[in-house]
Amino acid sequence: MSSQQQVDPKKQQELQLQYTNFKNTLQQLAQKIGDIEQEAEEHKLVIETLDPLPEDRKCFRMVNGVLVERTVKDVLPTLKTNSDGLKQVLEDMLKQYKLKQTELDSWKKKNNIQVVQP
């Protein structure tokens, strides 16, 4: 390390803060992606369960914390629309995550950052 030039402590602290911000942002995005994946999987499971049922069969749906009675015919299109929306949001979040990861990698390269794991 004596052959490498030393970074002043203020700059080092600033770089550490930026790195921490990058990692926190990536962690938050990963958490949101996980939540959305779980919700999409739940929608898929319910759709697969309701698909073979008769359209006039009674089913219940939670809307804003209230359980409402509907028929399969009423609920299925809404579930499919919500599921498609979740898939789109998931794709967007994955793109955002990859973009942020690329940004972090280029930042590390630009600032000659090497992560040391204890």
PDB file of N, CA and C in Angstrom:
ATOM      1  N   MET A   1       0.823  -1.183   0.000  1.00  0.00           N
ATOM      2  CA  MET A   1       0.000   0.000   0.000  1.00  0.00           C
ATOM      3  C   MET A   1       0.869   1.250   0.000  1.00  0.00           C
ATOM      4  N   SER A   2       2.132   1.124   0.391  1.00  0.00           N
ATOM      5  CA  SER A   2       3.019   2.273   0.422  1.00  0.00           C
ATOM      6  C   SER A   2       3.323   2.774  -0.989  1.00  0.00           C
ATOM      7  N   SER A   3       3.228   1.914  -1.975  1.00  0.00           N
ATOM      8  CA  SER A   3       3.486   2.336  -3.348  1.00  0.00           C
ATOM      9  C   SER A   3       2.291   3.073  -3.952  1.00  0.00           C
ATOM     10  N   GLN A   4       1.112   2.841  -3.397  1.00  0.00           N
ATOM     11  CA  GLN A   4      -0.071   3.540  -3.892  1.00  0.00           C
ATOM     12  C   GLN A   4      -0.186   4.874  -3.171  1.00  0.00           C
ATOM     13  N   GLN A   5      -0.775   5.862  -3.872  1.00  0.00           N
ATOM     14  CA  GLN A   5      -0.921   7.155  -3.218  1.00  0.00           C
ATOM     15  C   GLN A   5      -2.061   7.085  -2.202  1.00  0.00           C
ATOM     16  N   GLN A   6      -1.870   7.744  -1.086  1.00  0.00           N
ATOM     17  CA  GLN A   6      -2.859   7.739  -0.013  1.00  0.00           C
ATOM     18  C   GLN A   6      -3.956   8.758  -0.320  1.00  0.00           C
ATOM     19  N   VAL A   7      -5.192   8.386   0.017  1.00  0.00           N
ATOM     20  CA  VAL A   7      -6.330   9.274  -0.171  1.00  0.00           C
ATOM     21  C   VAL A   7      -6.551  10.005   1.142  1.00  0.00           C
ATOM     22  N   ASP A   8      -6.784  11.340   1.060  1.00  0.00           N
ATOM     23  CA  ASP A   8      -6.981  12.062   2.315  1.00  0.00           C
ATOM     24  C   ASP A   8      -8.257  11.580   3.013  1.00  0.00           C
ATOM     25  N   PRO A   9      -8.278  11.647   4.328  1.00  0.00           N
ATOM     26  CA  PRO A   9      -9.392  11.065   5.102  1.00  0.00           C
ATOM     27  C   PRO A   9     -10.765  11.626   4.735  1.00  0.00           C
ATOM     28  N   LYS A  10     -10.818  12.910   4.393  1.00  0.00           N
ATOM     29  CA  LYS A  10     -12.107  13.517   4.043  1.00  0.00           C
ATOM     30  C   LYS A  10     -12.655  12.904   2.752  1.00  0.00           C
ATOM     31  N   LYS A  11     -11.794  12.760   1.775  1.00  0.00           N
ATOM     32  CA  LYS A  11     -12.181  12.149   0.496  1.00  0.00           C
ATOM     33  C   LYS A  11     -12.569  10.686   0.718  1.00  0.00           C
ATOM     34  N   GLN A  12     -11.815   9.998   1.554  1.00  0.00           N
ATOM     35  CA  GLN A  12     -12.097   8.594   1.838  1.00  0.00           C
ATOM     36  C   GLN A  12     -13.465   8.450   2.509  1.00  0.00           C
ATOM     37  N   GLN A  13     -13.772   9.357   3.423  1.00  0.00           N
ATOM     38  CA  GLN A  13     -15.061   9.326   4.112  1.00  0.00           C
ATOM     39  C   GLN A  13     -16.195   9.604   3.120  1.00  0.00           C
ATOM     40  N   GLU A  14     -15.964  10.537   2.212  1.00  0.00           N
ATOM     41  CA  GLU A  14     -16.966  10.872   1.199  1.00  0.00           C
ATOM     42  C   GLU A  14     -17.224   9.675   0.276  1.00  0.00           C
ATOM     43  N   LEU A  15     -16.152   9.015  -0.140  1.00  0.00           N
ATOM     44  CA  LEU A  15     -16.289   7.831  -0.986  1.00  0.00           C
ATOM     45  C   LEU A  15     -17.024   6.714  -0.251  1.00  0.00           C
ATOM     46  N   GLN A  16     -16.717   6.536   1.028  1.00  0.00           N
ATOM     47  CA  GLN A  16     -17.385   5.511   1.832  1.00  0.00           C
ATOM     48  C   GLN A  16     -18.882   5.801   1.916  1.00  0.00           C
ATOM     49  N   LEU A  17     -19.238   7.067   2.088  1.00  0.00           N
ATOM     50  CA  LEU A  17     -20.646   7.460   2.165  1.00  0.00           C
ATOM     51  C   LEU A  17     -21.357   7.193   0.837  1.00  0.00           C
ATOM     52  N   GLN A  18     -20.705   7.535  -0.267  1.00  0.00           N
ATOM     53  CA  GLN A  18     -21.295   7.279  -1.582  1.00  0.00           C
ATOM     54  C   GLN A  18     -21.485   5.783  -1.809  1.00  0.00           C
ATOM     55  N   TYR A  19     -20.492   5.001  -1.433  1.00  0.00           N
ATOM     56  CA  TYR A  19     -20.582   3.549  -1.589  1.00  0.00           C
ATOM     57  C   TYR A  19     -21.734   2.993  -0.754  1.00  0.00           C
ATOM     58  N   THR A  20     -21.853   3.457   0.470  1.00  0.00           N
ATOM     59  CA  THR A  20     -22.941   3.017   1.351  1.00  0.00           C
ATOM     60  C   THR A  20     -24.295   3.376   0.758  1.00  0.00           C
ATOM     61  N   ASN A  21     -24.396   4.570   0.185  1.00  0.00           N
ATOM     62  CA  ASN A  21     -25.656   4.979  -0.453  1.00  0.00           C
ATOM     63  C   ASN A  21     -26.003   4.068  -1.628  1.00  0.00           C
ATOM     64  N   PHE A  22     -25.008   3.747  -2.442  1.00  0.00           N
ATOM     65  CA  PHE A  22     -25.232   2.827  -3.565  1.00  0.00           C
ATOM     66  C   PHE A  22     -25.738   1.477  -3.059  1.00  0.00           C
ATOM     67  N   LYS A  23     -25.042   0.937  -2.062  1.00  0.00           N
ATOM     68  CA  LYS A  23     -25.414  -0.382  -1.548  1.00  0.00           C
ATOM     69  C   LYS A  23     -26.810  -0.368  -0.922  1.00  0.00           C
ATOM     70  N   ASN A  24     -27.144   0.690  -0.195  1.00  0.00           N
ATOM     71  CA  ASN A  24     -28.477   0.792   0.407  1.00  0.00           C
ATOM     72  C   ASN A  24     -29.563   0.862  -0.659  1.00  0.00           C
ATOM     73  N   THR A  25     -29.313   1.634  -1.704  1.00  0.00           N
ATOM     74  CA  THR A  25     -30.281   1.743  -2.794  1.00  0.00           C
ATOM     75  C   THR A  25     -30.488   0.387  -3.459  1.00  0.00           C
ATOM     76  N   LEU A  26     -29.395  -0.322  -3.716  1.00  0.00           N
ATOM     77  CA  LEU A  26     -29.494  -1.650  -4.330  1.00  0.00           C
ATOM     78  C   LEU A  26     -30.243  -2.619  -3.419  1.00  0.00           C
ATOM     79  N   GLN A  27     -30.001  -2.533  -2.135  1.00  0.00           N
ATOM     80  CA  GLN A  27     -30.677  -3.422  -1.187  1.00  0.00           C
ATOM     81  C   GLN A  27     -32.178  -3.126  -1.143  1.00  0.00           C
ATOM     82  N   GLN A  28     -32.550  -1.848  -1.169  1.00  0.00           N
ATOM     83  CA  GLN A  28     -33.963  -1.472  -1.171  1.00  0.00           C
ATOM     84  C   GLN A  28     -34.652  -1.953  -2.446  1.00  0.00           C
ATOM     85  N   LEU A  29     -33.975  -1.789  -3.575  1.00  0.00           N
ATOM     86  CA  LEU A  29     -34.539  -2.264  -4.841  1.00  0.00           C
ATOM     87  C   LEU A  29     -34.727  -3.778  -4.817  1.00  0.00           C
ATOM     88  N   ALA A  30     -33.747  -4.486  -4.289  1.00  0.00           N
ATOM     89  CA  ALA A  30     -33.848  -5.947  -4.212  1.00  0.00           C
ATOM     90  C   ALA A  30     -35.019  -6.360  -3.319  1.00  0.00           C
ATOM     91  N   GLN A  31     -35.239  -5.639  -2.237  1.00  0.00           N
ATOM     92  CA  GLN A  31     -36.354  -5.933  -1.336  1.00  0.00           C
ATOM     93  C   GLN A  31     -37.690  -5.712  -2.048  1.00  0.00           C
ATOM     94  N   LYS A  32     -37.794  -4.596  -2.768  1.00  0.00           N
ATOM     95  CA  LYS A  32     -39.031  -4.304  -3.503  1.00  0.00           C
ATOM     96  C   LYS A  32     -39.279  -5.354  -4.582  1.00  0.00           C
ATOM     97  N   ILE A  33     -38.215  -5.757  -5.265  1.00  0.00           N
ATOM     98  CA  ILE A  33     -38.338  -6.782  -6.304  1.00  0.00           C
ATOM     99  C   ILE A  33     -38.842  -8.079  -5.692  1.00  0.00           C
ATOM    100  N   GLY A  34     -38.305  -8.443  -4.552  1.00  0.00           N
ATOM    101  CA  GLY A  34     -38.754  -9.655  -3.863  1.00  0.00           C
ATOM    102  C   GLY A  34     -40.220  -9.582  -3.474  1.00  0.00           C
ATOM    103  N   ASP A  35     -40.648  -8.429  -2.968  1.00  0.00           N
ATOM    104  CA  ASP A  35     -42.055  -8.251  -2.586  1.00  0.00           C
ATOM    105  C   ASP A  35     -42.974  -8.378  -3.797  1.00  0.00           C
ATOM    106  N   ILE A  36     -42.576  -7.748  -4.894  1.00  0.00           N
ATOM    107  CA  ILE A  36     -43.401  -7.781  -6.105  1.00  0.00           C
ATOM    108  C   ILE A  36     -43.441  -9.192  -6.678  1.00  0.00           C
ATOM    109  N   GLU A  37     -42.303  -9.894  -6.655  1.00  0.00           N
ATOM    110  CA  GLU A  37     -42.286 -11.285  -7.136  1.00  0.00           C
ATOM    111  C   GLU A  37     -43.231 -12.152  -6.320  1.00  0.00           C
ATOM    112  N   GLN A  38     -43.240 -11.950  -5.027  1.00  0.00           N
ATOM    113  CA  GLN A  38     -44.115 -12.730  -4.150  1.00  0.00           C
ATOM    114  C   GLN A  38     -45.585 -12.426  -4.453  1.00  0.00           C
ATOM    115  N   GLU A  39     -45.899 -11.162  -4.619  1.00  0.00           N
ATOM    116  CA  GLU A  39     -47.280 -10.785  -4.917  1.00  0.00           C
ATOM    117  C   GLU A  39     -47.716 -11.322  -6.279  1.00  0.00           C
ATOM    118  N   ALA A  40     -46.827 -11.265  -7.267  1.00  0.00           N
ATOM    119  CA  ALA A  40     -47.142 -11.796  -8.595  1.00  0.00           C
ATOM    120  C   ALA A  40     -47.382 -13.303  -8.526  1.00  0.00           C
ATOM    121  N   GLU A  41     -46.595 -13.992  -7.720  1.00  0.00           N
ATOM    122  CA  GLU A  41     -46.762 -15.438  -7.557  1.00  0.00           C
ATOM    123  C   GLU A  41     -48.106 -15.761  -6.905  1.00  0.00           C
ATOM    124  N   GLU A  42     -48.507 -14.951  -5.932  1.00  0.00           N
ATOM    125  CA  GLU A  42     -49.812 -15.141  -5.292  1.00  0.00           C
ATOM    126  C   GLU A  42     -50.943 -14.941  -6.299  1.00  0.00           C
ATOM    127  N   HIS A  43     -50.818 -13.902  -7.129  1.00  0.00           N
ATOM    128  CA  HIS A  43     -51.831 -13.660  -8.159  1.00  0.00           C
ATOM    129  C   HIS A  43     -51.913 -14.856  -9.111  1.00  0.00           C
ATOM    130  N   LYS A  44     -50.746 -15.355  -9.511  1.00  0.00           N
ATOM    131  CA  LYS A  44     -50.699 -16.495 -10.435  1.00  0.00           C
ATOM    132  C   LYS A  44     -51.397 -17.708  -9.825  1.00  0.00           C
ATOM    133  N   LEU A  45     -51.137 -17.960  -8.562  1.00  0.00           N
ATOM    134  CA  LEU A  45     -51.739 -19.096  -7.871  1.00  0.00           C
ATOM    135  C   LEU A  45     -53.263 -18.969  -7.819  1.00  0.00           C
ATOM    136  N   VAL A  46     -53.755 -17.784  -7.504  1.00  0.00           N
ATOM    137  CA  VAL A  46     -55.206 -17.567  -7.430  1.00  0.00           C
ATOM    138  C   VAL A  46     -55.832 -17.704  -8.814  1.00  0.00           C
ATOM    139  N   ILE A  47     -55.178 -17.165  -9.832  1.00  0.00           N
ATOM    140  CA  ILE A  47     -55.705 -17.271 -11.200  1.00  0.00           C
ATOM    141  C   ILE A  47     -55.782 -18.736 -11.618  1.00  0.00           C
ATOM    142  N   GLU A  48     -54.726 -19.502 -11.333  1.00  0.00           N
ATOM    143  CA  GLU A  48     -54.732 -20.932 -11.675  1.00  0.00           C
ATOM    144  C   GLU A  48     -55.825 -21.685 -10.919  1.00  0.00           C
ATOM    145  N   THR A  49     -56.133 -21.245  -9.719  1.00  0.00           N
ATOM    146  CA  THR A  49     -57.176 -21.893  -8.927  1.00  0.00           C
ATOM    147  C   THR A  49     -58.564 -21.555  -9.456  1.00  0.00           C
ATOM    148  N   LEU A  50     -58.764 -20.301  -9.859  1.00  0.00           N
ATOM    149  CA  LEU A  50     -60.093 -19.860 -10.299  1.00  0.00           C
ATOM    150  C   LEU A  50     -60.398 -20.216 -11.752  1.00  0.00           C
ATOM    151  N   ASP A  51     -59.373 -20.370 -12.582  1.00  0.00           N
ATOM    152  CA  ASP A  51     -59.585 -20.622 -14.017  1.00  0.00           C
ATOM    153  C   ASP A  51     -60.521 -21.795 -14.322  1.00  0.00           C
ATOM    154  N   PRO A  52     -60.338 -22.959 -13.716  1.00  0.00           N
ATOM    155  CA  PRO A  52     -61.199 -24.088 -14.091  1.00  0.00           C
ATOM    156  C   PRO A  52     -62.613 -24.025 -13.485  1.00  0.00           C
ATOM    157  N   LEU A  53     -62.862 -23.079 -12.602  1.00  0.00           N
ATOM    158  CA  LEU A  53     -64.165 -23.016 -11.931  1.00  0.00           C
ATOM    159  C   LEU A  53     -65.230 -22.398 -12.831  1.00  0.00           C
ATOM    160  N   PRO A  54     -66.514 -22.736 -12.597  1.00  0.00           N
ATOM    161  CA  PRO A  54     -67.599 -22.113 -13.366  1.00  0.00           C
ATOM    162  C   PRO A  54     -67.637 -20.602 -13.110  1.00  0.00           C
ATOM    163  N   GLU A  55     -68.010 -19.847 -14.140  1.00  0.00           N
ATOM    164  CA  GLU A  55     -67.998 -18.385 -14.038  1.00  0.00           C
ATOM    165  C   GLU A  55     -68.992 -17.843 -13.019  1.00  0.00           C
ATOM    166  N   ASP A  56     -70.074 -18.574 -12.763  1.00  0.00           N
ATOM    167  CA  ASP A  56     -71.083 -18.064 -11.830  1.00  0.00           C
ATOM    168  C   ASP A  56     -70.804 -18.469 -10.381  1.00  0.00           C
ATOM    169  N   ARG A  57     -69.691 -19.134 -10.150  1.00  0.00           N
ATOM    170  CA  ARG A  57     -69.357 -19.568  -8.789  1.00  0.00           C
ATOM    171  C   ARG A  57     -68.989 -18.363  -7.923  1.00  0.00           C
ATOM    172  N   LYS A  58     -69.447 -18.411  -6.694  1.00  0.00           N
ATOM    173  CA  LYS A  58     -69.208 -17.334  -5.749  1.00  0.00           C
ATOM    174  C   LYS A  58     -67.756 -17.387  -5.271  1.00  0.00           C
ATOM    175  N   CYS A  59     -67.145 -16.203  -5.166  1.00  0.00           N
ATOM    176  CA  CYS A  59     -65.815 -16.114  -4.578  1.00  0.00           C
ATOM    177  C   CYS A  59     -65.721 -14.800  -3.814  1.00  0.00           C
ATOM    178  N   PHE A  60     -64.707 -14.675  -3.007  1.00  0.00           N
ATOM    179  CA  PHE A  60     -64.547 -13.479  -2.188  1.00  0.00           C
ATOM    180  C   PHE A  60     -63.215 -12.828  -2.506  1.00  0.00           C
ATOM    181  N   ARG A  61     -63.237 -11.488  -2.410  1.00  0.00           N
ATOM    182  CA  ARG A  61     -62.035 -10.730  -2.729  1.00  0.00           C
ATOM    183  C   ARG A  61     -61.865  -9.630  -1.693  1.00  0.00           C
ATOM    184  N   MET A  62     -60.646  -9.431  -1.268  1.00  0.00           N
ATOM    185  CA  MET A  62     -60.349  -8.381  -0.305  1.00  0.00           C
ATOM    186  C   MET A  62     -60.102  -7.086  -1.063  1.00  0.00           C
ATOM    187  N   VAL A  63     -60.921  -6.058  -0.774  1.00  0.00           N
ATOM    188  CA  VAL A  63     -60.768  -4.756  -1.401  1.00  0.00           C
ATOM    189  C   VAL A  63     -60.639  -3.722  -0.285  1.00  0.00           C
ATOM    190  N   ASN A  64     -59.481  -3.102  -0.181  1.00  0.00           N
ATOM    191  CA  ASN A  64     -59.217  -2.104   0.860  1.00  0.00           C
ATOM    192  C   ASN A  64     -59.572  -2.605   2.254  1.00  0.00           C
ATOM    193  N   GLY A  65     -59.227  -3.824   2.546  1.00  0.00           N
ATOM    194  CA  GLY A  65     -59.467  -4.385   3.868  1.00  0.00           C
ATOM    195  C   GLY A  65     -60.875  -4.890   4.097  1.00  0.00           C
ATOM    196  N   VAL A  66     -61.714  -4.844   3.076  1.00  0.00           N
ATOM    197  CA  VAL A  66     -63.097  -5.316   3.202  1.00  0.00           C
ATOM    198  C   VAL A  66     -63.274  -6.527   2.292  1.00  0.00           C
ATOM    199  N   LEU A  67     -63.835  -7.590   2.839  1.00  0.00           N
ATOM    200  CA  LEU A  67     -64.079  -8.797   2.063  1.00  0.00           C
ATOM    201  C   LEU A  67     -65.392  -8.634   1.304  1.00  0.00           C
ATOM    202  N   VAL A  68     -65.334  -8.672  -0.021  1.00  0.00           N
ATOM    203  CA  VAL A  68     -66.541  -8.495  -0.839  1.00  0.00           C
ATOM    204  C   VAL A  68     -66.829  -9.771  -1.615  1.00  0.00           C
ATOM    205  N   GLU A  69     -68.107 -10.025  -1.802  1.00  0.00           N
ATOM    206  CA  GLU A  69     -68.535 -11.225  -2.524  1.00  0.00           C
ATOM    207  C   GLU A  69     -68.685 -10.885  -3.997  1.00  0.00           C
ATOM    208  N   ARG A  70     -68.105 -11.703  -4.835  1.00  0.00           N
ATOM    209  CA  ARG A  70     -68.166 -11.538  -6.289  1.00  0.00           C
ATOM    210  C   ARG A  70     -68.327 -12.914  -6.910  1.00  0.00           C
ATOM    211  N   THR A  71     -68.349 -12.922  -8.240  1.00  0.00           N
ATOM    212  CA  THR A  71     -68.337 -14.197  -8.955  1.00  0.00           C
ATOM    213  C   THR A  71     -66.970 -14.335  -9.632  1.00  0.00           C
ATOM    214  N   VAL A  72     -66.668 -15.545 -10.036  1.00  0.00           N
ATOM    215  CA  VAL A  72     -65.396 -15.801 -10.719  1.00  0.00           C
ATOM    216  C   VAL A  72     -65.304 -14.935 -11.971  1.00  0.00           C
ATOM    217  N   LYS A  73     -66.434 -14.771 -12.662  1.00  0.00           N
ATOM    218  CA  LYS A  73     -66.480 -13.976 -13.891  1.00  0.00           C
ATOM    219  C   LYS A  73     -66.067 -12.523 -13.623  1.00  0.00           C
ATOM    220  N   ASP A  74     -66.433 -11.991 -12.458  1.00  0.00           N
ATOM    221  CA  ASP A  74     -66.094 -10.608 -12.120  1.00  0.00           C
ATOM    222  C   ASP A  74     -64.637 -10.455 -11.673  1.00  0.00           C
ATOM    223  N   VAL A  75     -64.148 -11.440 -10.956  1.00  0.00           N
ATOM    224  CA  VAL A  75     -62.839 -11.322 -10.314  1.00  0.00           C
ATOM    225  C   VAL A  75     -61.683 -11.669 -11.250  1.00  0.00           C
ATOM    226  N   LEU A  76     -61.856 -12.675 -12.077  1.00  0.00           N
ATOM    227  CA  LEU A  76     -60.756 -13.180 -12.901  1.00  0.00           C
ATOM    228  C   LEU A  76     -60.133 -12.121 -13.822  1.00  0.00           C
ATOM    229  N   PRO A  77     -60.931 -11.335 -14.556  1.00  0.00           N
ATOM    230  CA  PRO A  77     -60.302 -10.317 -15.416  1.00  0.00           C
ATOM    231  C   PRO A  77     -59.486  -9.287 -14.620  1.00  0.00           C
ATOM    232  N   THR A  78     -59.996  -8.912 -13.465  1.00  0.00           N
ATOM    233  CA  THR A  78     -59.276  -7.954 -12.623  1.00  0.00           C
ATOM    234  C   THR A  78     -57.959  -8.541 -12.138  1.00  0.00           C
ATOM    235  N   LEU A  79     -57.999  -9.795 -11.732  1.00  0.00           N
ATOM    236  CA  LEU A  79     -56.774 -10.465 -11.279  1.00  0.00           C
ATOM    237  C   LEU A  79     -55.741 -10.550 -12.398  1.00  0.00           C
ATOM    238  N   LYS A  80     -56.203 -10.875 -13.594  1.00  0.00           N
ATOM    239  CA  LYS A  80     -55.277 -10.983 -14.730  1.00  0.00           C
ATOM    240  C   LYS A  80     -54.661  -9.626 -15.058  1.00  0.00           C
ATOM    241  N   THR A  81     -55.476  -8.569 -14.999  1.00  0.00           N
ATOM    242  CA  THR A  81     -54.968  -7.222 -15.250  1.00  0.00           C
ATOM    243  C   THR A  81     -53.931  -6.835 -14.195  1.00  0.00           C
ATOM    244  N   ASN A  82     -54.257  -7.109 -12.929  1.00  0.00           N
ATOM    245  CA  ASN A  82     -53.314  -6.809 -11.846  1.00  0.00           C
ATOM    246  C   ASN A  82     -52.025  -7.608 -12.003  1.00  0.00           C
ATOM    247  N   SER A  83     -52.144  -8.865 -12.386  1.00  0.00           N
ATOM    248  CA  SER A  83     -50.977  -9.720 -12.567  1.00  0.00           C
ATOM    249  C   SER A  83     -50.085  -9.185 -13.686  1.00  0.00           C
ATOM    250  N   ASP A  84     -50.701  -8.778 -14.789  1.00  0.00           N
ATOM    251  CA  ASP A  84     -49.926  -8.209 -15.895  1.00  0.00           C
ATOM    252  C   ASP A  84     -49.221  -6.927 -15.463  1.00  0.00           C
ATOM    253  N   GLY A  85     -49.925  -6.105 -14.687  1.00  0.00           N
ATOM    254  CA  GLY A  85     -49.330  -4.872 -14.172  1.00  0.00           C
ATOM    255  C   GLY A  85     -48.139  -5.156 -13.270  1.00  0.00           C
ATOM    256  N   LEU A  86     -48.274  -6.168 -12.419  1.00  0.00           N
ATOM    257  CA  LEU A  86     -47.171  -6.545 -11.530  1.00  0.00           C
ATOM    258  C   LEU A  86     -45.964  -7.028 -12.326  1.00  0.00           C
ATOM    259  N   LYS A  87     -46.220  -7.783 -13.393  1.00  0.00           N
ATOM    260  CA  LYS A  87     -45.113  -8.265 -14.226  1.00  0.00           C
ATOM    261  C   LYS A  87     -44.375  -7.095 -14.868  1.00  0.00           C
ATOM    262  N   GLN A  88     -45.143  -6.091 -15.319  1.00  0.00           N
ATOM    263  CA  GLN A  88     -44.535  -4.918 -15.942  1.00  0.00           C
ATOM    264  C   GLN A  88     -43.701  -4.135 -14.923  1.00  0.00           C
ATOM    265  N   VAL A  89     -44.257  -3.947 -13.733  1.00  0.00           N
ATOM    266  CA  VAL A  89     -43.525  -3.243 -12.676  1.00  0.00           C
ATOM    267  C   VAL A  89     -42.256  -4.012 -12.316  1.00  0.00           C
ATOM    268  N   LEU A  90     -42.354  -5.326 -12.267  1.00  0.00           N
ATOM    269  CA  LEU A  90     -41.201  -6.167 -11.948  1.00  0.00           C
ATOM    270  C   LEU A  90     -40.101  -6.005 -12.996  1.00  0.00           C
ATOM    271  N   GLU A  91     -40.482  -6.003 -14.264  1.00  0.00           N
ATOM    272  CA  GLU A  91     -39.501  -5.800 -15.337  1.00  0.00           C
ATOM    273  C   GLU A  91     -38.810  -4.447 -15.189  1.00  0.00           C
ATOM    274  N   ASP A  92     -39.609  -3.408 -14.904  1.00  0.00           N
ATOM    275  CA  ASP A  92     -39.045  -2.070 -14.738  1.00  0.00           C
ATOM    276  C   ASP A  92     -38.087  -2.011 -13.549  1.00  0.00           C
ATOM    277  N   MET A  93     -38.472  -2.657 -12.452  1.00  0.00           N
ATOM    278  CA  MET A  93     -37.622  -2.663 -11.259  1.00  0.00           C
ATOM    279  C   MET A  93     -36.313  -3.413 -11.526  1.00  0.00           C
ATOM    280  N   LEU A  94     -36.389  -4.516 -12.270  1.00  0.00           N
ATOM    281  CA  LEU A  94     -35.174  -5.267 -12.607  1.00  0.00           C
ATOM    282  C   LEU A  94     -34.240  -4.433 -13.482  1.00  0.00           C
ATOM    283  N   LYS A  95     -34.810  -3.696 -14.446  1.00  0.00           N
ATOM    284  CA  LYS A  95     -33.995  -2.813 -15.288  1.00  0.00           C
ATOM    285  C   LYS A  95     -33.332  -1.742 -14.426  1.00  0.00           C
ATOM    286  N   GLN A  96     -34.114  -1.181 -13.501  1.00  0.00           N
ATOM    287  CA  GLN A  96     -33.595  -0.149 -12.613  1.00  0.00           C
ATOM    288  C   GLN A  96     -32.463  -0.708 -11.744  1.00  0.00           C
ATOM    289  N   TYR A  97     -32.626  -1.922 -11.253  1.00  0.00           N
ATOM    290  CA  TYR A  97     -31.595  -2.561 -10.423  1.00  0.00           C
ATOM    291  C   TYR A  97     -30.313  -2.765 -11.232  1.00  0.00           C
ATOM    292  N   LYS A  98     -30.461  -3.293 -12.450  1.00  0.00           N
ATOM    293  CA  LYS A  98     -29.282  -3.538 -13.291  1.00  0.00           C
ATOM    294  C   LYS A  98     -28.571  -2.232 -13.630  1.00  0.00           C
ATOM    295  N   LEU A  99     -29.358  -1.181 -13.891  1.00  0.00           N
ATOM    296  CA  LEU A  99     -28.787   0.123 -14.201  1.00  0.00           C
ATOM    297  C   LEU A  99     -27.996   0.657 -13.004  1.00  0.00           C
ATOM    298  N   LYS A 100     -28.577   0.536 -11.826  1.00  0.00           N
ATOM    299  CA  LYS A 100     -27.908   1.011 -10.607  1.00  0.00           C
ATOM    300  C   LYS A 100     -26.646   0.191 -10.333  1.00  0.00           C
ATOM    301  N   GLN A 101     -26.705  -1.112 -10.591  1.00  0.00           N
ATOM    302  CA  GLN A 101     -25.532  -1.975 -10.394  1.00  0.00           C
ATOM    303  C   GLN A 101     -24.418  -1.577 -11.360  1.00  0.00           C
ATOM    304  N   THR A 102     -24.780  -1.299 -12.607  1.00  0.00           N
ATOM    305  CA  THR A 102     -23.805  -0.852 -13.601  1.00  0.00           C
ATOM    306  C   THR A 102     -23.205   0.485 -13.188  1.00  0.00           C
ATOM    307  N   GLU A 103     -24.064   1.371 -12.684  1.00  0.00           N
ATOM    308  CA  GLU A 103     -23.607   2.678 -12.216  1.00  0.00           C
ATOM    309  C   GLU A 103     -22.602   2.513 -11.065  1.00  0.00           C
ATOM    310  N   LEU A 104     -22.894   1.615 -10.141  1.00  0.00           N
ATOM    311  CA  LEU A 104     -21.981   1.347  -9.020  1.00  0.00           C
ATOM    312  C   LEU A 104     -20.651   0.798  -9.531  1.00  0.00           C
ATOM    313  N   ASP A 105     -20.708  -0.144 -10.464  1.00  0.00           N
ATOM    314  CA  ASP A 105     -19.479  -0.736 -11.000  1.00  0.00           C
ATOM    315  C   ASP A 105     -18.608   0.313 -11.685  1.00  0.00           C
ATOM    316  N   SER A 106     -19.231   1.192 -12.481  1.00  0.00           N
ATOM    317  CA  SER A 106     -18.447   2.222 -13.168  1.00  0.00           C
ATOM    318  C   SER A 106     -17.903   3.246 -12.163  1.00  0.00           C
ATOM    319  N   TRP A 107     -18.683   3.544 -11.129  1.00  0.00           N
ATOM    320  CA  TRP A 107     -18.216   4.453 -10.078  1.00  0.00           C
ATOM    321  C   TRP A 107     -17.003   3.859  -9.357  1.00  0.00           C
ATOM    322  N   LYS A 108     -17.077   2.553  -9.050  1.00  0.00           N
ATOM    323  CA  LYS A 108     -15.954   1.884  -8.380  1.00  0.00           C
ATOM    324  C   LYS A 108     -14.701   1.917  -9.266  1.00  0.00           C
ATOM    325  N   LYS A 109     -14.896   1.701 -10.554  1.00  0.00           N
ATOM    326  CA  LYS A 109     -13.757   1.700 -11.475  1.00  0.00           C
ATOM    327  C   LYS A 109     -13.165   3.112 -11.592  1.00  0.00           C
ATOM    328  N   LYS A 110     -14.047   4.099 -11.711  1.00  0.00           N
ATOM    329  CA  LYS A 110     -13.615   5.489 -11.862  1.00  0.00           C
ATOM    330  C   LYS A 110     -12.823   5.957 -10.643  1.00  0.00           C
ATOM    331  N   ASN A 111     -13.278   5.584  -9.458  1.00  0.00           N
ATOM    332  CA  ASN A 111     -12.631   6.021  -8.220  1.00  0.00           C
ATOM    333  C   ASN A 111     -11.616   5.013  -7.690  1.00  0.00           C
ATOM    334  N   ASN A 112     -11.340   3.990  -8.484  1.00  0.00           N
ATOM    335  CA  ASN A 112     -10.377   2.954  -8.112  1.00  0.00           C
ATOM    336  C   ASN A 112     -10.701   2.363  -6.734  1.00  0.00           C
ATOM    337  N   ILE A 113     -11.955   1.950  -6.577  1.00  0.00           N
ATOM    338  CA  ILE A 113     -12.437   1.403  -5.306  1.00  0.00           C
ATOM    339  C   ILE A 113     -12.323  -0.114  -5.337  1.00  0.00           C
ATOM    340  N   GLN A 114     -11.760  -0.657  -4.275  1.00  0.00           N
ATOM    341  CA  GLN A 114     -11.708  -2.105  -4.103  1.00  0.00           C
ATOM    342  C   GLN A 114     -12.351  -2.420  -2.766  1.00  0.00           C
ATOM    343  N   VAL A 115     -13.362  -3.271  -2.790  1.00  0.00           N
ATOM    344  CA  VAL A 115     -14.091  -3.612  -1.577  1.00  0.00           C
ATOM    345  C   VAL A 115     -13.318  -4.675  -0.816  1.00  0.00           C
ATOM    346  N   VAL A 116     -13.122  -4.425   0.451  1.00  0.00           N
ATOM    347  CA  VAL A 116     -12.415  -5.366   1.318  1.00  0.00           C
ATOM    348  C   VAL A 116     -13.438  -5.971   2.261  1.00  0.00           C
ATOM    349  N   GLN A 117     -13.599  -7.275   2.181  1.00  0.00           N
ATOM    350  CA  GLN A 117     -14.537  -7.974   3.062  1.00  0.00           C
ATOM    351  C   GLN A 117     -13.792  -8.446   4.306  1.00  0.00           C
ATOM    352  N   PRO A 118     -14.298  -8.133   5.506  1.00  0.00           N
ATOM    353  CA  PRO A 118     -13.620  -8.584   6.726  1.00  0.00           C
ATOM    354  C   PRO A 118     -13.782 -10.071   6.940  1.00  0.00           C
TER     355      PRO A 118
END
